[in-house]
Amino acid sequence: MDKLRSKKEKGIRFIKKKITLLDGSSQEYFIDLNPKAHIAQVRQKRKIYVNKNFEDLSREEKLATIYHERGHSRFILFEGLSKVIAPLFAIFSLLNIVLLSLMLAGQSYLLIPTIIINSFLLFLGYILIFWLVEIVADSNAIKMMGKKIVIKNIGKVYENKKFNLENDWIMHPPWRIRKKIMENLD
């Protein structure tokens, strides 16, 4: 901990470390000294960033976390989907703006259900993509470390956590659903 504190005082925000994986190769990760940093996430250029609490985990828990994050960075389909989804998101958003403008101009109040349905489908698609990304990352960690350790490790973060709409229902599947999915993965 003193080493982390001294680095922060010198203006260094990230500490670069490596962990040896099960196959003998190593994975580089960066400790984010920001106290509000998420437990672990993939950021720019597919690099894995963890918060300082990561260092307190057992080796098995660290590996489960790293394999989960590697599952995110290796999800190449998401990169392809994001190239398709971003324009669709923009098109549906523009369509909603046009429909809303027509409605406000007095053209037709029959457009209200269309706007509501478009908005709902757009939002639902957005959520489901994030859930899919998390499930793929979970399955990668389970493949490498086994269900028990992954469920325990992710459960530590989400099981008794104070509810946060964005992180607990939008960016990640709700814990109970996520746990059921992981229990059924083989």
C-alpha atoms as a PDB file:
ATOM      1  CA  MET A   1       0.000   0.000   0.000  1.00  0.00           C
ATOM      2  CA  ASP A   2       2.868   2.405   0.782  1.00  0.00           C
ATOM      3  CA  LYS A   3       4.270   1.750  -2.673  1.00  0.00           C
ATOM      4  CA  LEU A   4       0.891   2.671  -4.216  1.00  0.00           C
ATOM      5  CA  ARG A   5       0.598   5.834  -2.131  1.00  0.00           C
ATOM      6  CA  SER A   6       4.131   6.986  -2.918  1.00  0.00           C
ATOM      7  CA  LYS A   7       3.564   6.514  -6.657  1.00  0.00           C
ATOM      8  CA  LYS A   8       0.370   8.565  -6.493  1.00  0.00           C
ATOM      9  CA  GLU A   9       2.122  11.401  -4.679  1.00  0.00           C
ATOM     10  CA  LYS A  10       4.683  11.540  -7.489  1.00  0.00           C
ATOM     11  CA  GLY A  11       1.864  12.091 -10.003  1.00  0.00           C
ATOM     12  CA  ILE A  12       1.784   8.564 -11.393  1.00  0.00           C
ATOM     13  CA  ARG A  13      -1.806   7.486 -11.840  1.00  0.00           C
ATOM     14  CA  PHE A  14      -1.294   3.909 -13.050  1.00  0.00           C
ATOM     15  CA  ILE A  15       1.070   1.160 -11.953  1.00  0.00           C
ATOM     16  CA  LYS A  16       1.916  -1.457 -14.558  1.00  0.00           C
ATOM     17  CA  LYS A  17       2.020  -5.075 -13.371  1.00  0.00           C
ATOM     18  CA  LYS A  18       1.903  -8.591 -14.811  1.00  0.00           C
ATOM     19  CA  ILE A  19       0.240 -11.813 -13.732  1.00  0.00           C
ATOM     20  CA  THR A  20       1.195 -15.301 -14.905  1.00  0.00           C
ATOM     21  CA  LEU A  21      -1.770 -17.062 -16.514  1.00  0.00           C
ATOM     22  CA  LEU A  22      -2.624 -20.759 -16.319  1.00  0.00           C
ATOM     23  CA  ASP A  23      -0.892 -21.511 -19.629  1.00  0.00           C
ATOM     24  CA  GLY A  24       2.356 -19.899 -18.414  1.00  0.00           C
ATOM     25  CA  SER A  25       1.986 -16.734 -20.475  1.00  0.00           C
ATOM     26  CA  SER A  26       1.631 -13.404 -18.735  1.00  0.00           C
ATOM     27  CA  GLN A  27      -1.000 -10.680 -18.841  1.00  0.00           C
ATOM     28  CA  GLU A  28      -0.157  -7.063 -18.284  1.00  0.00           C
ATOM     29  CA  TYR A  29      -2.576  -4.947 -16.244  1.00  0.00           C
ATOM     30  CA  PHE A  30      -2.585  -1.462 -14.787  1.00  0.00           C
ATOM     31  CA  ILE A  31      -3.573  -0.484 -11.257  1.00  0.00           C
ATOM     32  CA  ASP A  32      -5.694   2.673 -11.345  1.00  0.00           C
ATOM     33  CA  LEU A  33      -5.001   4.672  -8.194  1.00  0.00           C
ATOM     34  CA  ASN A  34      -8.286   6.570  -8.455  1.00  0.00           C
ATOM     35  CA  PRO A  35     -10.322   5.447  -5.412  1.00  0.00           C
ATOM     36  CA  LYS A  36     -13.538   5.514  -7.491  1.00  0.00           C
ATOM     37  CA  ALA A  37     -12.143   3.246 -10.225  1.00  0.00           C
ATOM     38  CA  HIS A  38     -14.174   0.168 -11.134  1.00  0.00           C
ATOM     39  CA  ILE A  39     -12.797  -3.165  -9.823  1.00  0.00           C
ATOM     40  CA  ALA A  40     -11.609  -4.050 -13.339  1.00  0.00           C
ATOM     41  CA  GLN A  41     -12.290  -2.969 -16.906  1.00  0.00           C
ATOM     42  CA  VAL A  42     -10.861  -3.014 -20.394  1.00  0.00           C
ATOM     43  CA  ARG A  43     -10.049   0.476 -21.606  1.00  0.00           C
ATOM     44  CA  GLN A  44      -8.259   1.934 -24.590  1.00  0.00           C
ATOM     45  CA  LYS A  45      -6.204  -0.370 -26.790  1.00  0.00           C
ATOM     46  CA  ARG A  46      -7.611  -3.449 -24.970  1.00  0.00           C
ATOM     47  CA  LYS A  47      -5.567  -2.809 -21.847  1.00  0.00           C
ATOM     48  CA  ILE A  48      -6.881  -4.103 -18.531  1.00  0.00           C
ATOM     49  CA  TYR A  49      -7.189  -1.628 -15.668  1.00  0.00           C
ATOM     50  CA  VAL A  50      -7.954  -2.643 -12.085  1.00  0.00           C
ATOM     51  CA  ASN A  51      -8.454  -0.682  -8.877  1.00  0.00           C
ATOM     52  CA  LYS A  52      -6.071  -0.961  -5.938  1.00  0.00           C
ATOM     53  CA  ASN A  53      -8.390  -3.463  -4.176  1.00  0.00           C
ATOM     54  CA  PHE A  54      -7.490  -5.955  -6.903  1.00  0.00           C
ATOM     55  CA  GLU A  55      -4.167  -6.493  -5.151  1.00  0.00           C
ATOM     56  CA  ASP A  56      -6.021  -7.826  -2.067  1.00  0.00           C
ATOM     57  CA  LEU A  57      -7.637 -10.673  -4.035  1.00  0.00           C
ATOM     58  CA  SER A  58      -6.286 -14.222  -3.971  1.00  0.00           C
ATOM     59  CA  ARG A  59      -4.367 -15.390  -7.041  1.00  0.00           C
ATOM     60  CA  GLU A  60      -7.385 -17.472  -8.114  1.00  0.00           C
ATOM     61  CA  GLU A  61      -9.704 -14.445  -7.820  1.00  0.00           C
ATOM     62  CA  LYS A  62      -7.226 -12.255  -9.699  1.00  0.00           C
ATOM     63  CA  LEU A  63      -7.068 -14.807 -12.512  1.00  0.00           C
ATOM     64  CA  ALA A  64     -10.871 -15.057 -12.684  1.00  0.00           C
ATOM     65  CA  THR A  65     -11.052 -11.259 -12.947  1.00  0.00           C
ATOM     66  CA  ILE A  66      -8.322 -11.098 -15.595  1.00  0.00           C
ATOM     67  CA  TYR A  67      -9.932 -13.872 -17.676  1.00  0.00           C
ATOM     68  CA  HIS A  68     -13.285 -12.076 -17.421  1.00  0.00           C
ATOM     69  CA  GLU A  69     -11.710  -8.850 -18.696  1.00  0.00           C
ATOM     70  CA  ARG A  70      -9.844 -10.727 -21.425  1.00  0.00           C
ATOM     71  CA  GLY A  71     -13.258 -12.051 -22.454  1.00  0.00           C
ATOM     72  CA  HIS A  72     -14.297  -8.446 -23.078  1.00  0.00           C
ATOM     73  CA  SER A  73     -11.184  -7.550 -25.024  1.00  0.00           C
ATOM     74  CA  ARG A  74     -11.408 -10.656 -27.202  1.00  0.00           C
ATOM     75  CA  PHE A  75     -15.067 -10.177 -28.071  1.00  0.00           C
ATOM     76  CA  ILE A  76     -14.361  -9.172 -31.663  1.00  0.00           C
ATOM     77  CA  LEU A  77     -18.030  -9.485 -32.619  1.00  0.00           C
ATOM     78  CA  PHE A  78     -18.763  -6.512 -30.352  1.00  0.00           C
ATOM     79  CA  GLU A  79     -16.401  -4.342 -32.385  1.00  0.00           C
ATOM     80  CA  GLY A  80     -18.323  -5.299 -35.527  1.00  0.00           C
ATOM     81  CA  LEU A  81     -21.658  -4.797 -33.808  1.00  0.00           C
ATOM     82  CA  SER A  82     -20.640  -1.385 -32.541  1.00  0.00           C
ATOM     83  CA  LYS A  83     -19.861  -0.291 -36.117  1.00  0.00           C
ATOM     84  CA  VAL A  84     -23.386  -1.317 -37.136  1.00  0.00           C
ATOM     85  CA  ILE A  85     -25.222  -0.296 -33.971  1.00  0.00           C
ATOM     86  CA  ALA A  86     -23.829   3.217 -33.680  1.00  0.00           C
ATOM     87  CA  PRO A  87     -25.272   4.266 -37.071  1.00  0.00           C
ATOM     88  CA  LEU A  88     -28.572   2.487 -36.301  1.00  0.00           C
ATOM     89  CA  PHE A  89     -28.723   4.260 -32.966  1.00  0.00           C
ATOM     90  CA  ALA A  90     -28.166   7.575 -34.773  1.00  0.00           C
ATOM     91  CA  ILE A  91     -30.800   6.770 -37.421  1.00  0.00           C
ATOM     92  CA  PHE A  92     -33.441   5.776 -34.861  1.00  0.00           C
ATOM     93  CA  SER A  93     -32.617   8.837 -32.760  1.00  0.00           C
ATOM     94  CA  LEU A  94     -32.948  11.123 -35.794  1.00  0.00           C
ATOM     95  CA  LEU A  95     -36.175   9.373 -36.775  1.00  0.00           C
ATOM     96  CA  ASN A  96     -37.555  10.054 -33.304  1.00  0.00           C
ATOM     97  CA  ILE A  97     -36.554  13.711 -33.569  1.00  0.00           C
ATOM     98  CA  VAL A  98     -38.234  14.024 -36.994  1.00  0.00           C
ATOM     99  CA  LEU A  99     -41.382  12.286 -35.761  1.00  0.00           C
ATOM    100  CA  LEU A 100     -41.472  14.436 -32.642  1.00  0.00           C
ATOM    101  CA  SER A 101     -40.995  17.581 -34.746  1.00  0.00           C
ATOM    102  CA  LEU A 102     -43.868  16.560 -37.043  1.00  0.00           C
ATOM    103  CA  MET A 103     -46.049  15.853 -34.045  1.00  0.00           C
ATOM    104  CA  LEU A 104     -45.258  19.211 -32.439  1.00  0.00           C
ATOM    105  CA  ALA A 105     -45.922  20.955 -35.762  1.00  0.00           C
ATOM    106  CA  GLY A 106     -49.438  19.602 -35.496  1.00  0.00           C
ATOM    107  CA  GLN A 107     -49.108  17.011 -38.234  1.00  0.00           C
ATOM    108  CA  SER A 108     -50.341  14.032 -36.283  1.00  0.00           C
ATOM    109  CA  TYR A 109     -50.645  12.852 -32.731  1.00  0.00           C
ATOM    110  CA  LEU A 110     -50.799   9.308 -34.076  1.00  0.00           C
ATOM    111  CA  LEU A 111     -47.004   9.444 -34.211  1.00  0.00           C
ATOM    112  CA  ILE A 112     -46.751   9.288 -30.400  1.00  0.00           C
ATOM    113  CA  PRO A 113     -46.996   5.465 -30.258  1.00  0.00           C
ATOM    114  CA  THR A 114     -44.364   5.195 -33.012  1.00  0.00           C
ATOM    115  CA  ILE A 115     -41.981   7.445 -31.095  1.00  0.00           C
ATOM    116  CA  ILE A 116     -42.541   5.504 -27.884  1.00  0.00           C
ATOM    117  CA  ILE A 117     -42.041   2.127 -29.597  1.00  0.00           C
ATOM    118  CA  ASN A 118     -38.895   3.333 -31.454  1.00  0.00           C
ATOM    119  CA  SER A 119     -37.421   4.708 -28.232  1.00  0.00           C
ATOM    120  CA  PHE A 120     -38.194   1.549 -26.283  1.00  0.00           C
ATOM    121  CA  LEU A 121     -36.711  -0.767 -28.945  1.00  0.00           C
ATOM    122  CA  LEU A 122     -33.633   1.396 -29.255  1.00  0.00           C
ATOM    123  CA  PHE A 123     -33.061   1.377 -25.502  1.00  0.00           C
ATOM    124  CA  LEU A 124     -33.768  -2.359 -25.195  1.00  0.00           C
ATOM    125  CA  GLY A 125     -31.272  -3.158 -27.969  1.00  0.00           C
ATOM    126  CA  TYR A 126     -28.673  -1.012 -26.253  1.00  0.00           C
ATOM    127  CA  ILE A 127     -29.146  -2.887 -22.953  1.00  0.00           C
ATOM    128  CA  LEU A 128     -29.124  -6.351 -24.534  1.00  0.00           C
ATOM    129  CA  ILE A 129     -25.820  -5.686 -26.291  1.00  0.00           C
ATOM    130  CA  PHE A 130     -24.162  -4.774 -22.998  1.00  0.00           C
ATOM    131  CA  TRP A 131     -25.650  -7.846 -21.330  1.00  0.00           C
ATOM    132  CA  LEU A 132     -24.353 -10.057 -24.150  1.00  0.00           C
ATOM    133  CA  VAL A 133     -20.856  -8.612 -23.733  1.00  0.00           C
ATOM    134  CA  GLU A 134     -20.923  -9.387 -19.994  1.00  0.00           C
ATOM    135  CA  ILE A 135     -22.184 -12.929 -20.522  1.00  0.00           C
ATOM    136  CA  VAL A 136     -19.464 -13.608 -23.096  1.00  0.00           C
ATOM    137  CA  ALA A 137     -16.839 -12.285 -20.662  1.00  0.00           C
ATOM    138  CA  ASP A 138     -18.296 -14.414 -17.853  1.00  0.00           C
ATOM    139  CA  SER A 139     -18.220 -17.508 -20.064  1.00  0.00           C
ATOM    140  CA  ASN A 140     -14.563 -16.864 -20.921  1.00  0.00           C
ATOM    141  CA  ALA A 141     -13.685 -16.687 -17.216  1.00  0.00           C
ATOM    142  CA  ILE A 142     -15.736 -19.826 -16.466  1.00  0.00           C
ATOM    143  CA  LYS A 143     -14.002 -21.711 -19.284  1.00  0.00           C
ATOM    144  CA  MET A 144     -10.626 -20.905 -17.751  1.00  0.00           C
ATOM    145  CA  MET A 145     -11.322 -20.924 -13.988  1.00  0.00           C
ATOM    146  CA  GLY A 146     -14.578 -22.818 -13.407  1.00  0.00           C
ATOM    147  CA  LYS A 147     -18.063 -21.722 -12.340  1.00  0.00           C
ATOM    148  CA  LYS A 148     -17.536 -21.740  -8.593  1.00  0.00           C
ATOM    149  CA  ILE A 149     -14.676 -19.222  -8.446  1.00  0.00           C
ATOM    150  CA  VAL A 150     -16.157 -16.923 -11.105  1.00  0.00           C
ATOM    151  CA  ILE A 151     -19.605 -16.790  -9.483  1.00  0.00           C
ATOM    152  CA  LYS A 152     -17.979 -16.189  -6.089  1.00  0.00           C
ATOM    153  CA  ASN A 153     -15.681 -13.500  -7.483  1.00  0.00           C
ATOM    154  CA  ILE A 154     -18.329 -11.584  -9.430  1.00  0.00           C
ATOM    155  CA  GLY A 155     -20.805 -12.092  -6.597  1.00  0.00           C
ATOM    156  CA  LYS A 156     -18.452 -10.260  -4.233  1.00  0.00           C
ATOM    157  CA  VAL A 157     -18.797  -7.184  -6.396  1.00  0.00           C
ATOM    158  CA  TYR A 158     -22.523  -7.290  -7.164  1.00  0.00           C
ATOM    159  CA  GLU A 159     -24.358  -9.410  -4.610  1.00  0.00           C
ATOM    160  CA  ASN A 160     -24.586  -6.984  -1.681  1.00  0.00           C
ATOM    161  CA  LYS A 161     -23.830  -3.815  -3.571  1.00  0.00           C
ATOM    162  CA  LYS A 162     -25.986  -0.723  -3.237  1.00  0.00           C
ATOM    163  CA  PHE A 163     -28.320  -0.618  -6.258  1.00  0.00           C
ATOM    164  CA  ASN A 164     -27.114   1.459  -9.205  1.00  0.00           C
ATOM    165  CA  LEU A 165     -29.475   1.558 -12.215  1.00  0.00           C
ATOM    166  CA  GLU A 166     -26.768   2.087 -14.833  1.00  0.00           C
ATOM    167  CA  ASN A 167     -24.324  -0.549 -13.599  1.00  0.00           C
ATOM    168  CA  ASP A 168     -26.828  -3.073 -12.277  1.00  0.00           C
ATOM    169  CA  TRP A 169     -29.525  -3.074 -14.972  1.00  0.00           C
ATOM    170  CA  ILE A 170     -28.142  -1.358 -18.062  1.00  0.00           C
ATOM    171  CA  MET A 171     -24.414  -2.087 -18.319  1.00  0.00           C
ATOM    172  CA  HIS A 172     -24.629  -5.477 -16.587  1.00  0.00           C
ATOM    173  CA  PRO A 173     -27.428  -8.020 -16.257  1.00  0.00           C
ATOM    174  CA  PRO A 174     -29.038  -7.971 -12.799  1.00  0.00           C
ATOM    175  CA  TRP A 175     -27.029 -10.183 -10.436  1.00  0.00           C
ATOM    176  CA  ARG A 176     -29.712 -12.883 -10.036  1.00  0.00           C
ATOM    177  CA  ILE A 177     -30.126 -13.271 -13.807  1.00  0.00           C
ATOM    178  CA  ARG A 178     -26.376 -13.187 -14.383  1.00  0.00           C
ATOM    179  CA  LYS A 179     -25.779 -15.825 -11.711  1.00  0.00           C
ATOM    180  CA  LYS A 180     -28.446 -18.142 -13.202  1.00  0.00           C
ATOM    181  CA  ILE A 181     -26.864 -17.785 -16.642  1.00  0.00           C
ATOM    182  CA  MET A 182     -23.391 -18.572 -15.270  1.00  0.00           C
ATOM    183  CA  GLU A 183     -24.705 -21.611 -13.374  1.00  0.00           C
ATOM    184  CA  ASN A 184     -26.097 -22.979 -16.634  1.00  0.00           C
ATOM    185  CA  LEU A 185     -22.961 -22.429 -18.720  1.00  0.00           C
ATOM    186  CA  ASP A 186     -20.881 -25.496 -19.561  1.00  0.00           C
END
